Amino acid sequence: MNYWLVKSEPAAYAWSAFVKDRRTAWTGVRNFQARNHLRAMKTGDLVCFYHSVTDKQVVGVAKVAREFYPDATATEGDWSCVDLVPVKALLKPVSLATIKADPLLREMPLVKQSRLSVTPLSEAQFRHLLQLGGE
């Protein structure tokens, strides 16, 4: 199993909307490195859902329900998406400040490559985020 982090601005697509929808195609990724991360996702992989821009915190855990396929929102280029389903909200969101202050988490691509909307996590980072989130 692999572990991932996806970012979304709450004003564009919040965790609450994701939970209400119960499933979503993770579309609109237009960065080659992030696209390649989407293509590496496998059914059943776990994904941290991060609210970017305003909240700047990990708020929940999702699961990959469908591996990559062509992104129907792309008008040109070779872009992909995956389907995600929500698993659970974190009891306590984990803020970017907490992540940056933590010796294990500050090495995450979220900190090192902050512009990427889809990034891998190590199993240790994923489990530590869950622990900090009250799981």
N, C-alpha and C. Protein backbone atom coordinates (compact mmCIF):
# COMPACT_ATOMS: atom_id res chain seq x y z
N MET A 1 0.84 -1.18 0.00
CA MET A 1 0.00 0.00 0.00
C MET A 1 0.89 1.24 0.00
N ASN A 2 0.39 2.26 -0.71
CA ASN A 2 1.07 3.55 -0.73
C ASN A 2 0.19 4.59 -0.04
N TYR A 3 0.82 5.69 0.31
CA TYR A 3 0.13 6.76 1.03
C TYR A 3 0.37 8.08 0.30
N TRP A 4 -0.64 8.92 0.32
CA TRP A 4 -0.62 10.14 -0.49
C TRP A 4 -1.23 11.30 0.28
N LEU A 5 -1.02 12.50 -0.23
CA LEU A 5 -1.69 13.69 0.25
C LEU A 5 -2.20 14.45 -0.97
N VAL A 6 -3.47 14.85 -0.92
CA VAL A 6 -4.04 15.70 -1.96
C VAL A 6 -4.47 17.00 -1.31
N LYS A 7 -4.35 18.08 -2.08
CA LYS A 7 -4.70 19.40 -1.58
C LYS A 7 -5.89 19.96 -2.34
N SER A 8 -6.75 20.65 -1.60
CA SER A 8 -7.88 21.33 -2.21
C SER A 8 -8.18 22.59 -1.41
N GLU A 9 -8.47 23.67 -2.12
CA GLU A 9 -8.91 24.87 -1.43
C GLU A 9 -10.33 24.63 -0.94
N PRO A 10 -10.60 24.90 0.34
CA PRO A 10 -11.94 24.66 0.87
C PRO A 10 -13.04 25.40 0.10
N ALA A 11 -12.72 26.57 -0.44
CA ALA A 11 -13.73 27.32 -1.21
C ALA A 11 -14.04 26.63 -2.53
N ALA A 12 -13.09 25.85 -3.06
CA ALA A 12 -13.30 25.15 -4.33
C ALA A 12 -13.92 23.77 -4.11
N TYR A 13 -13.38 23.00 -3.15
CA TYR A 13 -13.92 21.68 -2.86
C TYR A 13 -13.47 21.29 -1.45
N ALA A 14 -14.36 21.47 -0.51
CA ALA A 14 -14.05 21.21 0.90
C ALA A 14 -14.30 19.76 1.27
N TRP A 15 -13.69 19.34 2.36
CA TRP A 15 -13.90 18.00 2.90
C TRP A 15 -15.39 17.73 3.09
N SER A 16 -16.14 18.70 3.60
CA SER A 16 -17.57 18.50 3.84
C SER A 16 -18.32 18.19 2.54
N ALA A 17 -17.95 18.84 1.44
CA ALA A 17 -18.57 18.55 0.14
C ALA A 17 -18.19 17.15 -0.33
N PHE A 18 -16.96 16.77 -0.11
CA PHE A 18 -16.47 15.44 -0.47
C PHE A 18 -17.26 14.36 0.27
N VAL A 19 -17.46 14.57 1.57
CA VAL A 19 -18.22 13.62 2.38
C VAL A 19 -19.67 13.54 1.88
N LYS A 20 -20.24 14.69 1.57
CA LYS A 20 -21.61 14.72 1.06
C LYS A 20 -21.71 13.99 -0.28
N ASP A 21 -20.72 14.19 -1.17
CA ASP A 21 -20.71 13.54 -2.48
C ASP A 21 -20.44 12.03 -2.39
N ARG A 22 -19.73 11.61 -1.36
CA ARG A 22 -19.38 10.21 -1.09
C ARG A 22 -18.37 9.61 -2.08
N ARG A 23 -18.06 10.32 -3.14
CA ARG A 23 -17.07 9.87 -4.13
C ARG A 23 -16.82 11.04 -5.07
N THR A 24 -15.58 11.16 -5.52
CA THR A 24 -15.29 12.20 -6.49
C THR A 24 -14.16 11.77 -7.41
N ALA A 25 -14.20 12.30 -8.63
CA ALA A 25 -13.06 12.18 -9.54
C ALA A 25 -12.12 13.33 -9.19
N TRP A 26 -10.87 13.01 -8.91
CA TRP A 26 -9.88 14.04 -8.54
C TRP A 26 -9.29 14.61 -9.83
N THR A 27 -9.99 15.60 -10.37
CA THR A 27 -9.65 16.18 -11.67
C THR A 27 -8.93 17.51 -11.52
N GLY A 28 -8.50 18.04 -12.64
CA GLY A 28 -7.95 19.39 -12.68
C GLY A 28 -6.47 19.51 -12.38
N VAL A 29 -5.78 18.40 -12.17
CA VAL A 29 -4.35 18.43 -11.88
C VAL A 29 -3.62 18.73 -13.19
N ARG A 30 -2.87 19.84 -13.20
CA ARG A 30 -2.19 20.26 -14.43
C ARG A 30 -0.70 20.50 -14.19
N ASN A 31 -0.11 19.64 -13.40
CA ASN A 31 1.32 19.65 -13.15
C ASN A 31 1.81 18.23 -13.44
N PHE A 32 2.87 18.09 -14.22
CA PHE A 32 3.31 16.77 -14.64
C PHE A 32 3.72 15.88 -13.47
N GLN A 33 4.42 16.44 -12.50
CA GLN A 33 4.85 15.64 -11.36
C GLN A 33 3.64 15.17 -10.55
N ALA A 34 2.69 16.07 -10.30
CA ALA A 34 1.48 15.69 -9.58
C ALA A 34 0.67 14.67 -10.38
N ARG A 35 0.60 14.85 -11.70
CA ARG A 35 -0.09 13.88 -12.56
C ARG A 35 0.55 12.51 -12.44
N ASN A 36 1.87 12.46 -12.41
CA ASN A 36 2.56 11.18 -12.29
C ASN A 36 2.27 10.52 -10.95
N HIS A 37 2.11 11.33 -9.90
CA HIS A 37 1.72 10.78 -8.61
C HIS A 37 0.32 10.17 -8.70
N LEU A 38 -0.60 10.86 -9.38
CA LEU A 38 -1.95 10.30 -9.58
C LEU A 38 -1.86 8.96 -10.29
N ARG A 39 -1.01 8.89 -11.29
CA ARG A 39 -0.88 7.65 -12.07
C ARG A 39 -0.26 6.52 -11.26
N ALA A 40 0.45 6.84 -10.20
CA ALA A 40 1.06 5.82 -9.34
C ALA A 40 0.09 5.30 -8.28
N MET A 41 -1.02 5.97 -8.08
CA MET A 41 -1.99 5.56 -7.06
C MET A 41 -2.64 4.24 -7.46
N LYS A 42 -2.83 3.39 -6.46
CA LYS A 42 -3.47 2.09 -6.66
C LYS A 42 -4.75 2.01 -5.83
N THR A 43 -5.71 1.25 -6.32
CA THR A 43 -6.96 1.06 -5.59
C THR A 43 -6.65 0.59 -4.17
N GLY A 44 -7.25 1.27 -3.21
CA GLY A 44 -7.04 0.94 -1.80
C GLY A 44 -5.99 1.78 -1.11
N ASP A 45 -5.15 2.49 -1.87
CA ASP A 45 -4.18 3.38 -1.23
C ASP A 45 -4.91 4.42 -0.40
N LEU A 46 -4.29 4.83 0.70
CA LEU A 46 -4.89 5.83 1.58
C LEU A 46 -4.32 7.21 1.30
N VAL A 47 -5.18 8.21 1.46
CA VAL A 47 -4.87 9.58 1.03
C VAL A 47 -5.28 10.57 2.11
N CYS A 48 -4.36 11.41 2.53
CA CYS A 48 -4.71 12.51 3.43
C CYS A 48 -5.29 13.65 2.61
N PHE A 49 -6.36 14.22 3.10
CA PHE A 49 -7.06 15.33 2.43
C PHE A 49 -6.67 16.61 3.16
N TYR A 50 -6.03 17.52 2.44
CA TYR A 50 -5.48 18.75 3.01
C TYR A 50 -6.23 19.96 2.47
N HIS A 51 -6.72 20.80 3.37
CA HIS A 51 -7.31 22.08 2.98
C HIS A 51 -6.18 23.08 2.80
N SER A 52 -6.01 23.58 1.60
CA SER A 52 -4.93 24.53 1.31
C SER A 52 -5.44 25.96 1.37
N VAL A 53 -4.54 26.90 1.22
CA VAL A 53 -4.75 28.34 1.11
C VAL A 53 -5.29 28.96 2.41
N THR A 54 -6.52 28.65 2.80
CA THR A 54 -7.09 29.33 3.97
C THR A 54 -6.90 28.53 5.25
N ASP A 55 -7.33 27.27 5.28
CA ASP A 55 -7.24 26.49 6.52
C ASP A 55 -5.84 25.94 6.77
N LYS A 56 -5.19 25.48 5.73
CA LYS A 56 -3.84 24.90 5.79
C LYS A 56 -3.74 23.82 6.87
N GLN A 57 -4.55 22.75 6.65
CA GLN A 57 -4.53 21.64 7.60
C GLN A 57 -5.04 20.35 6.95
N VAL A 58 -4.52 19.23 7.45
CA VAL A 58 -5.02 17.93 7.05
C VAL A 58 -6.30 17.71 7.84
N VAL A 59 -7.39 17.41 7.11
CA VAL A 59 -8.70 17.32 7.76
C VAL A 59 -9.33 15.93 7.70
N GLY A 60 -8.84 15.07 6.82
CA GLY A 60 -9.46 13.75 6.71
C GLY A 60 -8.62 12.77 5.93
N VAL A 61 -9.17 11.54 5.86
CA VAL A 61 -8.51 10.45 5.14
C VAL A 61 -9.48 9.92 4.09
N ALA A 62 -8.95 9.70 2.90
CA ALA A 62 -9.72 9.15 1.79
C ALA A 62 -9.03 7.87 1.31
N LYS A 63 -9.68 7.21 0.37
CA LYS A 63 -9.13 6.00 -0.22
C LYS A 63 -9.29 6.08 -1.73
N VAL A 64 -8.31 5.54 -2.45
CA VAL A 64 -8.39 5.47 -3.90
C VAL A 64 -9.40 4.38 -4.27
N ALA A 65 -10.45 4.77 -5.00
CA ALA A 65 -11.50 3.83 -5.39
C ALA A 65 -11.35 3.38 -6.85
N ARG A 66 -10.67 4.19 -7.66
CA ARG A 66 -10.44 3.84 -9.07
C ARG A 66 -9.10 4.40 -9.48
N GLU A 67 -8.29 3.57 -10.10
CA GLU A 67 -6.97 4.01 -10.56
C GLU A 67 -7.11 4.96 -11.75
N PHE A 68 -6.01 5.54 -12.14
CA PHE A 68 -6.03 6.65 -13.10
C PHE A 68 -6.71 6.33 -14.41
N TYR A 69 -7.34 7.36 -14.93
CA TYR A 69 -8.01 7.32 -16.23
C TYR A 69 -7.99 8.74 -16.78
N PRO A 70 -8.31 8.95 -18.06
CA PRO A 70 -8.23 10.29 -18.64
C PRO A 70 -9.13 11.29 -17.91
N ASP A 71 -8.60 12.48 -17.66
CA ASP A 71 -9.33 13.56 -17.00
C ASP A 71 -10.23 14.24 -18.03
N ALA A 72 -11.52 14.07 -17.88
CA ALA A 72 -12.49 14.63 -18.83
C ALA A 72 -12.54 16.15 -18.80
N THR A 73 -11.97 16.77 -17.77
CA THR A 73 -11.97 18.24 -17.71
C THR A 73 -10.83 18.85 -18.51
N ALA A 74 -9.91 18.02 -19.00
CA ALA A 74 -8.76 18.51 -19.77
C ALA A 74 -9.18 18.71 -21.22
N THR A 75 -8.96 19.91 -21.73
CA THR A 75 -9.29 20.20 -23.13
C THR A 75 -8.12 19.88 -24.06
N GLU A 76 -6.93 19.77 -23.51
CA GLU A 76 -5.75 19.38 -24.29
C GLU A 76 -4.73 18.77 -23.36
N GLY A 77 -3.84 17.99 -23.92
CA GLY A 77 -2.78 17.37 -23.14
C GLY A 77 -3.17 16.00 -22.61
N ASP A 78 -2.22 15.36 -21.97
CA ASP A 78 -2.36 14.00 -21.45
C ASP A 78 -2.49 14.05 -19.93
N TRP A 79 -3.70 14.34 -19.46
CA TRP A 79 -3.94 14.51 -18.03
C TRP A 79 -4.81 13.37 -17.50
N SER A 80 -4.60 13.05 -16.25
CA SER A 80 -5.28 11.92 -15.62
C SER A 80 -5.98 12.35 -14.34
N CYS A 81 -6.89 11.50 -13.91
CA CYS A 81 -7.54 11.68 -12.61
C CYS A 81 -7.72 10.30 -11.98
N VAL A 82 -8.08 10.29 -10.71
CA VAL A 82 -8.44 9.06 -9.99
C VAL A 82 -9.75 9.33 -9.27
N ASP A 83 -10.42 8.28 -8.85
CA ASP A 83 -11.60 8.44 -8.01
C ASP A 83 -11.21 8.20 -6.56
N LEU A 84 -11.70 9.08 -5.69
CA LEU A 84 -11.46 8.99 -4.26
C LEU A 84 -12.79 8.88 -3.53
N VAL A 85 -12.77 8.17 -2.40
CA VAL A 85 -13.91 8.10 -1.50
C VAL A 85 -13.44 8.51 -0.11
N PRO A 86 -14.28 9.22 0.64
CA PRO A 86 -13.88 9.59 2.00
C PRO A 86 -13.90 8.37 2.92
N VAL A 87 -12.98 8.32 3.85
CA VAL A 87 -12.93 7.25 4.85
C VAL A 87 -13.35 7.80 6.19
N LYS A 88 -12.66 8.87 6.66
CA LYS A 88 -13.01 9.45 7.95
C LYS A 88 -12.38 10.83 8.09
N ALA A 89 -13.05 11.66 8.86
CA ALA A 89 -12.48 12.96 9.23
C ALA A 89 -11.53 12.75 10.40
N LEU A 90 -10.50 13.56 10.46
CA LEU A 90 -9.63 13.52 11.64
C LEU A 90 -10.37 14.16 12.80
N LEU A 91 -10.17 13.63 13.99
CA LEU A 91 -10.80 14.21 15.18
C LEU A 91 -10.26 15.61 15.44
N LYS A 92 -8.95 15.78 15.17
CA LYS A 92 -8.29 17.08 15.31
C LYS A 92 -7.52 17.35 14.03
N PRO A 93 -7.91 18.35 13.24
CA PRO A 93 -7.13 18.67 12.04
C PRO A 93 -5.66 18.95 12.41
N VAL A 94 -4.77 18.58 11.51
CA VAL A 94 -3.33 18.78 11.73
C VAL A 94 -2.89 19.95 10.87
N SER A 95 -2.49 21.02 11.54
CA SER A 95 -2.16 22.28 10.86
C SER A 95 -0.79 22.21 10.18
N LEU A 96 -0.62 23.09 9.20
CA LEU A 96 0.67 23.22 8.53
C LEU A 96 1.75 23.62 9.53
N ALA A 97 1.41 24.46 10.48
CA ALA A 97 2.39 24.87 11.51
C ALA A 97 2.86 23.65 12.31
N THR A 98 1.96 22.76 12.66
CA THR A 98 2.32 21.53 13.37
C THR A 98 3.20 20.66 12.50
N ILE A 99 2.85 20.53 11.23
CA ILE A 99 3.63 19.73 10.30
C ILE A 99 5.05 20.29 10.17
N LYS A 100 5.17 21.59 10.01
CA LYS A 100 6.50 22.21 9.85
C LYS A 100 7.35 22.09 11.11
N ALA A 101 6.71 22.02 12.27
CA ALA A 101 7.44 21.93 13.54
C ALA A 101 7.84 20.51 13.90
N ASP A 102 7.29 19.53 13.24
CA ASP A 102 7.53 18.13 13.57
C ASP A 102 8.72 17.59 12.77
N PRO A 103 9.70 16.97 13.45
CA PRO A 103 10.90 16.48 12.74
C PRO A 103 10.61 15.48 11.62
N LEU A 104 9.63 14.61 11.79
CA LEU A 104 9.30 13.63 10.75
C LEU A 104 8.50 14.27 9.62
N LEU A 105 7.55 15.11 9.97
CA LEU A 105 6.63 15.66 8.98
C LEU A 105 7.20 16.82 8.18
N ARG A 106 8.14 17.54 8.72
CA ARG A 106 8.67 18.70 7.98
C ARG A 106 9.44 18.29 6.73
N GLU A 107 9.70 17.00 6.57
CA GLU A 107 10.35 16.49 5.36
C GLU A 107 9.34 16.11 4.28
N MET A 108 8.05 16.24 4.57
CA MET A 108 7.01 15.91 3.60
C MET A 108 7.11 16.80 2.37
N PRO A 109 6.76 16.29 1.19
CA PRO A 109 6.72 17.14 0.01
C PRO A 109 5.79 18.35 0.16
N LEU A 110 4.76 18.23 1.00
CA LEU A 110 3.88 19.37 1.27
C LEU A 110 4.68 20.59 1.70
N VAL A 111 5.72 20.35 2.47
CA VAL A 111 6.59 21.44 2.96
C VAL A 111 7.68 21.75 1.95
N LYS A 112 8.29 20.71 1.39
CA LYS A 112 9.43 20.89 0.50
C LYS A 112 9.05 21.33 -0.92
N GLN A 113 7.88 20.89 -1.39
CA GLN A 113 7.40 21.22 -2.74
C GLN A 113 5.94 21.69 -2.61
N SER A 114 5.76 22.80 -1.97
CA SER A 114 4.43 23.24 -1.56
C SER A 114 3.46 23.52 -2.71
N ARG A 115 3.95 23.66 -3.93
CA ARG A 115 3.06 23.95 -5.05
C ARG A 115 2.37 22.70 -5.61
N LEU A 116 2.88 21.53 -5.27
CA LEU A 116 2.30 20.29 -5.80
C LEU A 116 0.99 19.97 -5.09
N SER A 117 -0.03 19.59 -5.85
CA SER A 117 -1.34 19.30 -5.28
C SER A 117 -1.54 17.83 -4.94
N VAL A 118 -0.63 16.97 -5.41
CA VAL A 118 -0.68 15.54 -5.11
C VAL A 118 0.74 15.11 -4.80
N THR A 119 0.95 14.56 -3.59
CA THR A 119 2.30 14.18 -3.19
C THR A 119 2.27 12.85 -2.43
N PRO A 120 3.38 12.12 -2.48
CA PRO A 120 3.46 10.88 -1.71
C PRO A 120 3.79 11.16 -0.25
N LEU A 121 3.41 10.21 0.60
CA LEU A 121 3.78 10.22 2.01
C LEU A 121 4.43 8.88 2.32
N SER A 122 5.35 8.87 3.26
CA SER A 122 5.85 7.58 3.75
C SER A 122 4.79 7.01 4.70
N GLU A 123 4.86 5.72 4.93
CA GLU A 123 3.93 5.12 5.88
C GLU A 123 4.08 5.74 7.26
N ALA A 124 5.32 6.02 7.66
CA ALA A 124 5.57 6.63 8.96
C ALA A 124 4.93 8.02 9.04
N GLN A 125 5.05 8.81 7.98
CA GLN A 125 4.43 10.14 7.97
C GLN A 125 2.91 10.03 8.04
N PHE A 126 2.34 9.11 7.25
CA PHE A 126 0.89 8.92 7.25
C PHE A 126 0.41 8.54 8.65
N ARG A 127 1.04 7.56 9.25
CA ARG A 127 0.61 7.10 10.58
C ARG A 127 0.79 8.18 11.64
N HIS A 128 1.84 8.96 11.52
CA HIS A 128 2.07 10.06 12.47
C HIS A 128 1.00 11.14 12.31
N LEU A 129 0.63 11.45 11.09
CA LEU A 129 -0.46 12.41 10.87
C LEU A 129 -1.74 11.93 11.51
N LEU A 130 -2.06 10.64 11.36
CA LEU A 130 -3.25 10.08 12.00
C LEU A 130 -3.17 10.19 13.52
N GLN A 131 -2.00 9.91 14.06
CA GLN A 131 -1.82 10.00 15.50
C GLN A 131 -2.04 11.44 15.98
N LEU A 132 -1.44 12.41 15.29
CA LEU A 132 -1.63 13.80 15.66
C LEU A 132 -3.08 14.23 15.48
N GLY A 133 -3.77 13.59 14.54
CA GLY A 133 -5.17 13.90 14.28
C GLY A 133 -6.14 13.20 15.21
N GLY A 134 -5.62 12.50 16.21
CA GLY A 134 -6.47 11.87 17.22
C GLY A 134 -6.91 10.46 16.90
N GLU A 135 -6.28 9.85 15.92
CA GLU A 135 -6.65 8.47 15.55
C GLU A 135 -5.77 7.47 16.26
